[in-house]
PDB file of N, CA and C in Angstrom:
ATOM      1  N   MET A   1      24.782 -36.864 -28.487  1.00  0.00           N
ATOM      2  CA  MET A   1      23.162 -36.528 -28.396  1.00  0.00           C
ATOM      3  C   MET A   1      23.926 -35.249 -26.865  1.00  0.00           C
ATOM      4  N   PRO A   2      23.371 -34.488 -26.952  1.00  0.00           N
ATOM      5  CA  PRO A   2      23.505 -33.706 -25.972  1.00  0.00           C
ATOM      6  C   PRO A   2      22.348 -33.679 -24.412  1.00  0.00           C
ATOM      7  N   ASP A   3      22.755 -33.809 -23.308  1.00  0.00           N
ATOM      8  CA  ASP A   3      22.721 -34.113 -22.474  1.00  0.00           C
ATOM      9  C   ASP A   3      21.437 -33.111 -22.259  1.00  0.00           C
ATOM     10  N   VAL A   4      19.754 -33.216 -22.128  1.00  0.00           N
ATOM     11  CA  VAL A   4      19.009 -32.144 -21.779  1.00  0.00           C
ATOM     12  C   VAL A   4      19.002 -31.907 -20.062  1.00  0.00           C
ATOM     13  N   ARG A   5      19.501 -32.848 -19.512  1.00  0.00           N
ATOM     14  CA  ARG A   5      19.478 -32.184 -17.773  1.00  0.00           C
ATOM     15  C   ARG A   5      20.539 -31.260 -17.405  1.00  0.00           C
ATOM     16  N   GLU A   6      21.610 -31.108 -18.179  1.00  0.00           N
ATOM     17  CA  GLU A   6      23.034 -29.914 -18.539  1.00  0.00           C
ATOM     18  C   GLU A   6      21.853 -28.535 -18.648  1.00  0.00           C
ATOM     19  N   ASP A   7      21.308 -28.560 -19.526  1.00  0.00           N
ATOM     20  CA  ASP A   7      20.628 -27.188 -20.171  1.00  0.00           C
ATOM     21  C   ASP A   7      19.397 -26.633 -18.979  1.00  0.00           C
ATOM     22  N   SER A   8      18.831 -27.742 -18.548  1.00  0.00           N
ATOM     23  CA  SER A   8      17.642 -27.341 -17.956  1.00  0.00           C
ATOM     24  C   SER A   8      18.171 -27.040 -16.555  1.00  0.00           C
ATOM     25  N   SER A   9      19.255 -27.570 -16.295  1.00  0.00           N
ATOM     26  CA  SER A   9      19.769 -26.850 -14.605  1.00  0.00           C
ATOM     27  C   SER A   9      20.427 -25.364 -14.469  1.00  0.00           C
ATOM     28  N   LEU A  10      20.907 -25.128 -15.648  1.00  0.00           N
ATOM     29  CA  LEU A  10      21.057 -23.989 -15.692  1.00  0.00           C
ATOM     30  C   LEU A  10      19.831 -23.512 -15.729  1.00  0.00           C
ATOM     31  N   SER A  11      19.728 -22.249 -15.195  1.00  0.00           N
ATOM     32  CA  SER A  11      18.835 -21.320 -15.075  1.00  0.00           C
ATOM     33  C   SER A  11      18.791 -19.883 -15.434  1.00  0.00           C
ATOM     34  N   TRP A  12      17.848 -19.281 -16.217  1.00  0.00           N
ATOM     35  CA  TRP A  12      18.547 -17.990 -16.679  1.00  0.00           C
ATOM     36  C   TRP A  12      18.731 -16.906 -15.687  1.00  0.00           C
ATOM     37  N   PHE A  13      17.832 -17.269 -14.858  1.00  0.00           N
ATOM     38  CA  PHE A  13      18.121 -16.188 -13.789  1.00  0.00           C
ATOM     39  C   PHE A  13      19.556 -16.251 -12.470  1.00  0.00           C
ATOM     40  N   ARG A  14      20.255 -17.258 -12.851  1.00  0.00           N
ATOM     41  CA  ARG A  14      21.404 -17.277 -12.485  1.00  0.00           C
ATOM     42  C   ARG A  14      22.394 -16.509 -13.342  1.00  0.00           C
ATOM     43  N   GLY A  15      22.101 -16.131 -14.646  1.00  0.00           N
ATOM     44  CA  GLY A  15      23.301 -14.956 -15.254  1.00  0.00           C
ATOM     45  C   GLY A  15      23.088 -14.724 -15.118  1.00  0.00           C
ATOM     46  N   ARG A  16      24.003 -13.511 -15.260  1.00  0.00           N
ATOM     47  CA  ARG A  16      24.085 -12.170 -15.630  1.00  0.00           C
ATOM     48  C   ARG A  16      23.115 -10.830 -15.652  1.00  0.00           C
ATOM     49  N   GLY A  17      22.116 -11.490 -16.848  1.00  0.00           N
ATOM     50  CA  GLY A  17      20.954 -10.529 -16.768  1.00  0.00           C
ATOM     51  C   GLY A  17      19.689 -11.069 -16.033  1.00  0.00           C
ATOM     52  N   GLY A  18      20.086 -12.378 -15.674  1.00  0.00           N
ATOM     53  CA  GLY A  18      18.624 -12.587 -14.594  1.00  0.00           C
ATOM     54  C   GLY A  18      19.169 -12.012 -13.173  1.00  0.00           C
ATOM     55  N   ARG A  19      20.248 -12.092 -12.942  1.00  0.00           N
ATOM     56  CA  ARG A  19      20.769 -11.212 -11.586  1.00  0.00           C
ATOM     57  C   ARG A  19      20.723  -9.878 -11.389  1.00  0.00           C
ATOM     58  N   ARG A  20      20.903  -9.360 -12.669  1.00  0.00           N
ATOM     59  CA  ARG A  20      20.538  -7.565 -12.991  1.00  0.00           C
ATOM     60  C   ARG A  20      18.811  -7.616 -12.957  1.00  0.00           C
ATOM     61  N   PHE A  21      18.215  -8.394 -13.652  1.00  0.00           N
ATOM     62  CA  PHE A  21      16.889  -8.594 -13.410  1.00  0.00           C
ATOM     63  C   PHE A  21      15.937  -8.454 -11.512  1.00  0.00           C
ATOM     64  N   GLY A  22      16.595  -9.493 -11.077  1.00  0.00           N
ATOM     65  CA  GLY A  22      16.046  -9.642 -10.024  1.00  0.00           C
ATOM     66  C   GLY A  22      16.643  -8.076  -9.036  1.00  0.00           C
ATOM     67  N   LEU A  23      17.743  -7.498  -9.019  1.00  0.00           N
ATOM     68  CA  LEU A  23      18.057  -6.532  -8.697  1.00  0.00           C
ATOM     69  C   LEU A  23      17.196  -5.149  -8.853  1.00  0.00           C
ATOM     70  N   GLU A  24      17.131  -4.966  -9.883  1.00  0.00           N
ATOM     71  CA  GLU A  24      15.897  -3.889 -10.162  1.00  0.00           C
ATOM     72  C   GLU A  24      14.523  -4.204  -9.933  1.00  0.00           C
ATOM     73  N   PHE A  25      14.050  -5.293 -10.066  1.00  0.00           N
ATOM     74  CA  PHE A  25      12.948  -6.068  -9.697  1.00  0.00           C
ATOM     75  C   PHE A  25      12.939  -5.343  -7.921  1.00  0.00           C
ATOM     76  N   ALA A  26      13.848  -5.913  -7.387  1.00  0.00           N
ATOM     77  CA  ALA A  26      13.649  -6.198  -5.723  1.00  0.00           C
ATOM     78  C   ALA A  26      13.955  -4.166  -5.748  1.00  0.00           C
ATOM     79  N   LEU A  27      14.942  -3.482  -6.212  1.00  0.00           N
ATOM     80  CA  LEU A  27      14.593  -2.408  -6.041  1.00  0.00           C
ATOM     81  C   LEU A  27      13.587  -1.620  -6.161  1.00  0.00           C
ATOM     82  N   ILE A  28      12.756  -1.730  -7.266  1.00  0.00           N
ATOM     83  CA  ILE A  28      11.535  -0.915  -7.578  1.00  0.00           C
ATOM     84  C   ILE A  28      10.435  -1.161  -6.654  1.00  0.00           C
ATOM     85  N   ILE A  29      10.675  -2.943  -5.936  1.00  0.00           N
ATOM     86  CA  ILE A  29       9.556  -2.814  -5.074  1.00  0.00           C
ATOM     87  C   ILE A  29       9.976  -2.331  -3.698  1.00  0.00           C
ATOM     88  N   VAL A  30      11.301  -2.179  -3.527  1.00  0.00           N
ATOM     89  CA  VAL A  30      11.664  -1.368  -2.178  1.00  0.00           C
ATOM     90  C   VAL A  30      11.714   0.082  -2.407  1.00  0.00           C
ATOM     91  N   ILE A  31      11.618   0.868  -3.729  1.00  0.00           N
ATOM     92  CA  ILE A  31      11.089   2.108  -3.985  1.00  0.00           C
ATOM     93  C   ILE A  31       9.262   2.470  -3.503  1.00  0.00           C
ATOM     94  N   LYS A  32       8.928   1.499  -4.243  1.00  0.00           N
ATOM     95  CA  LYS A  32       7.247   1.602  -3.721  1.00  0.00           C
ATOM     96  C   LYS A  32       6.774   1.398  -2.571  1.00  0.00           C
ATOM     97  N   LEU A  33       7.763   0.796  -1.918  1.00  0.00           N
ATOM     98  CA  LEU A  33       7.188   0.367  -0.334  1.00  0.00           C
ATOM     99  C   LEU A  33       7.304   1.742   0.278  1.00  0.00           C
ATOM    100  N   ALA A  34       8.821   2.473   0.202  1.00  0.00           N
ATOM    101  CA  ALA A  34       9.389   3.464   0.689  1.00  0.00           C
ATOM    102  C   ALA A  34       8.521   4.920   0.407  1.00  0.00           C
ATOM    103  N   LEU A  35       7.604   4.719  -0.873  1.00  0.00           N
ATOM    104  CA  LEU A  35       7.010   6.026  -1.187  1.00  0.00           C
ATOM    105  C   LEU A  35       5.520   5.793  -0.565  1.00  0.00           C
ATOM    106  N   LEU A  36       4.857   4.210  -0.763  1.00  0.00           N
ATOM    107  CA  LEU A  36       3.840   4.079   0.147  1.00  0.00           C
ATOM    108  C   LEU A  36       3.773   4.364   1.300  1.00  0.00           C
ATOM    109  N   THR A  37       4.787   4.134   2.430  1.00  0.00           N
ATOM    110  CA  THR A  37       5.122   4.858   3.690  1.00  0.00           C
ATOM    111  C   THR A  37       5.162   5.927   3.866  1.00  0.00           C
ATOM    112  N   LEU A  38       5.837   6.686   3.058  1.00  0.00           N
ATOM    113  CA  LEU A  38       6.008   8.214   3.038  1.00  0.00           C
ATOM    114  C   LEU A  38       4.364   8.850   2.792  1.00  0.00           C
ATOM    115  N   LEU A  39       3.761   8.153   1.708  1.00  0.00           N
ATOM    116  CA  LEU A  39       2.007   9.019   1.559  1.00  0.00           C
ATOM    117  C   LEU A  39       1.363   8.862   2.903  1.00  0.00           C
ATOM    118  N   TRP A  40       1.233   7.448   3.237  1.00  0.00           N
ATOM    119  CA  TRP A  40       0.645   7.120   4.467  1.00  0.00           C
ATOM    120  C   TRP A  40       0.820   8.479   5.644  1.00  0.00           C
ATOM    121  N   ALA A  41       2.340   8.460   6.015  1.00  0.00           N
ATOM    122  CA  ALA A  41       2.729   9.219   6.893  1.00  0.00           C
ATOM    123  C   ALA A  41       2.248  10.623   7.140  1.00  0.00           C
ATOM    124  N   PHE A  42       2.270  11.012   5.701  1.00  0.00           N
ATOM    125  CA  PHE A  42       2.084  12.772   5.603  1.00  0.00           C
ATOM    126  C   PHE A  42       0.976  12.753   5.175  1.00  0.00           C
ATOM    127  N   VAL A  43       0.188  12.207   4.519  1.00  0.00           N
ATOM    128  CA  VAL A  43      -1.265  12.154   4.398  1.00  0.00           C
ATOM    129  C   VAL A  43      -2.490  11.578   4.457  1.00  0.00           C
ATOM    130  N   ILE A  44      -2.294  10.683   5.029  1.00  0.00           N
ATOM    131  CA  ILE A  44      -2.915   9.378   5.697  1.00  0.00           C
ATOM    132  C   ILE A  44      -2.768   9.466   7.254  1.00  0.00           C
ATOM    133  N   ARG A  45      -2.684   9.375   7.516  1.00  0.00           N
ATOM    134  CA  ARG A  45      -1.962   9.340   9.271  1.00  0.00           C
ATOM    135  C   ARG A  45      -2.668  11.007   9.476  1.00  0.00           C
ATOM    136  N   PRO A  46      -2.259  12.087   9.401  1.00  0.00           N
ATOM    137  CA  PRO A  46      -2.516  13.182   9.756  1.00  0.00           C
ATOM    138  C   PRO A  46      -4.328  13.195  10.192  1.00  0.00           C
ATOM    139  N   LEU A  47      -5.088  12.640   9.067  1.00  0.00           N
ATOM    140  CA  LEU A  47      -7.004  12.885   8.802  1.00  0.00           C
ATOM    141  C   LEU A  47      -7.110  12.855  10.260  1.00  0.00           C
ATOM    142  N   PRO A  48      -7.904  13.219  10.404  1.00  0.00           N
ATOM    143  CA  PRO A  48      -8.614  13.506  11.813  1.00  0.00           C
ATOM    144  C   PRO A  48      -9.759  12.402  12.223  1.00  0.00           C
ATOM    145  N   ARG A  49      -9.504  11.846  13.279  1.00  0.00           N
ATOM    146  CA  ARG A  49     -10.738  10.921  13.142  1.00  0.00           C
ATOM    147  C   ARG A  49     -12.260  10.831  13.656  1.00  0.00           C
ATOM    148  N   ALA A  50     -12.863  10.469  13.192  1.00  0.00           N
ATOM    149  CA  ALA A  50     -14.354  11.118  13.669  1.00  0.00           C
ATOM    150  C   ALA A  50     -14.544  10.345  15.358  1.00  0.00           C
ATOM    151  N   ASP A  51     -15.515  10.884  16.193  1.00  0.00           N
ATOM    152  CA  ASP A  51     -15.466  10.677  17.719  1.00  0.00           C
ATOM    153  C   ASP A  51     -16.742  10.171  17.536  1.00  0.00           C
ATOM    154  N   THR A  52     -16.279   8.812  17.499  1.00  0.00           N
ATOM    155  CA  THR A  52     -17.895   7.342  17.731  1.00  0.00           C
ATOM    156  C   THR A  52     -18.219   7.381  19.625  1.00  0.00           C
ATOM    157  N   SER A  53     -17.354   8.593  20.145  1.00  0.00           N
ATOM    158  CA  SER A  53     -18.144   7.822  21.903  1.00  0.00           C
ATOM    159  C   SER A  53     -19.438   7.731  21.849  1.00  0.00           C
ATOM    160  N   PRO A  54     -20.353   7.086  22.689  1.00  0.00           N
ATOM    161  CA  PRO A  54     -21.243   6.884  23.118  1.00  0.00           C
ATOM    162  C   PRO A  54     -21.802   8.899  22.719  1.00  0.00           C
ATOM    163  N   THR A  55     -21.595   9.403  24.065  1.00  0.00           N
ATOM    164  CA  THR A  55     -22.214  10.869  24.088  1.00  0.00           C
ATOM    165  C   THR A  55     -21.858  11.561  22.923  1.00  0.00           C
ATOM    166  N   ALA A  56     -20.989  11.459  21.990  1.00  0.00           N
ATOM    167  CA  ALA A  56     -20.787  12.347  20.735  1.00  0.00           C
ATOM    168  C   ALA A  56     -21.418  11.823  19.790  1.00  0.00           C
ATOM    169  N   ILE A  57     -22.103  10.319  19.666  1.00  0.00           N
ATOM    170  CA  ILE A  57     -23.288   9.846  19.006  1.00  0.00           C
ATOM    171  C   ILE A  57     -24.353  10.396  19.075  1.00  0.00           C
ATOM    172  N   GLU A  58     -25.249  10.405  20.784  1.00  0.00           N
ATOM    173  CA  GLU A  58     -25.800  10.866  20.878  1.00  0.00           C
ATOM    174  C   GLU A  58     -26.313  12.264  20.669  1.00  0.00           C
ATOM    175  N   ARG A  59     -25.381  13.599  20.627  1.00  0.00           N
ATOM    176  CA  ARG A  59     -25.412  14.399  20.416  1.00  0.00           C
ATOM    177  C   ARG A  59     -25.616  14.867  19.202  1.00  0.00           C
ATOM    178  N   HIS A  60     -25.266  14.120  18.556  1.00  0.00           N
ATOM    179  CA  HIS A  60     -25.488  14.240  16.593  1.00  0.00           C
ATOM    180  C   HIS A  60     -26.739  13.439  16.470  1.00  0.00           C
ATOM    181  N   PHE A  61     -27.081  12.890  17.153  1.00  0.00           N
ATOM    182  CA  PHE A  61     -28.611  12.280  16.715  1.00  0.00           C
ATOM    183  C   PHE A  61     -29.727  12.739  17.391  1.00  0.00           C
ATOM    184  N   SER A  62     -29.590  13.930  18.622  1.00  0.00           N
ATOM    185  CA  SER A  62     -30.443  14.687  18.795  1.00  0.00           C
ATOM    186  C   SER A  62     -30.326  16.438  18.937  1.00  0.00           C
ATOM    187  N   ALA A  63     -29.443  16.571  18.494  1.00  0.00           N
ATOM    188  CA  ALA A  63     -29.198  17.647  17.370  1.00  0.00           C
ATOM    189  C   ALA A  63     -30.301  18.345  16.366  1.00  0.00           C
ATOM    190  N   PRO A  64     -30.774  19.371  16.564  1.00  0.00           N
ATOM    191  CA  PRO A  64     -31.629  19.474  15.319  1.00  0.00           C
ATOM    192  C   PRO A  64     -30.820  20.139  14.186  1.00  0.00           C
ATOM    193  N   SER A  65     -31.678  19.387  13.152  1.00  0.00           N
ATOM    194  CA  SER A  65     -30.865  19.552  12.027  1.00  0.00           C
ATOM    195  C   SER A  65     -31.070  21.191  11.313  1.00  0.00           C
ATOM    196  N   SER A  66     -30.280  21.671  10.729  1.00  0.00           N
ATOM    197  CA  SER A  66     -30.055  23.109  10.036  1.00  0.00           C
ATOM    198  C   SER A  66     -30.625  23.571   8.683  1.00  0.00           C
ATOM    199  N   THR A  67     -31.037  22.282   7.865  1.00  0.00           N
ATOM    200  CA  THR A  67     -31.926  22.438   6.979  1.00  0.00           C
ATOM    201  C   THR A  67     -33.217  22.255   7.539  1.00  0.00           C
ATOM    202  N   GLU A  68     -33.925  21.490   8.853  1.00  0.00           N
ATOM    203  CA  GLU A  68     -35.287  21.123   8.958  1.00  0.00           C
ATOM    204  C   GLU A  68     -35.838  22.891   9.506  1.00  0.00           C
ATOM    205  N   SER A  69     -34.827  23.615  10.286  1.00  0.00           N
ATOM    206  CA  SER A  69     -35.093  24.402  11.142  1.00  0.00           C
ATOM    207  C   SER A  69     -35.083  26.135  10.048  1.00  0.00           C
ATOM    208  N   SER A  70     -34.551  26.164   8.873  1.00  0.00           N
ATOM    209  CA  SER A  70     -34.493  26.870   7.565  1.00  0.00           C
ATOM    210  C   SER A  70     -35.618  26.674   6.966  1.00  0.00           C
ATOM    211  N   ARG A  71     -36.626  26.092   6.972  1.00  0.00           N
ATOM    212  CA  ARG A  71     -37.667  25.971   6.295  1.00  0.00           C
ATOM    213  C   ARG A  71     -39.113  26.574   6.779  1.00  0.00           C
TER     214      ARG A  71
END
């Protein structure tokens, strides 16, 4: 009767196919992280931020609306 512990102690991931799968999976994750970093650096980061200082908010609410004055 074969020993069951010998079969279960050998993991598929420790074999040649498992190592290749792990390497490819890690490579995909690294590439995706690099692409997301580049996307953030060139697209998201340069967007202008709204001025939220108290004086800017006060100016925004006290300025007359252009749609009301055209009627």
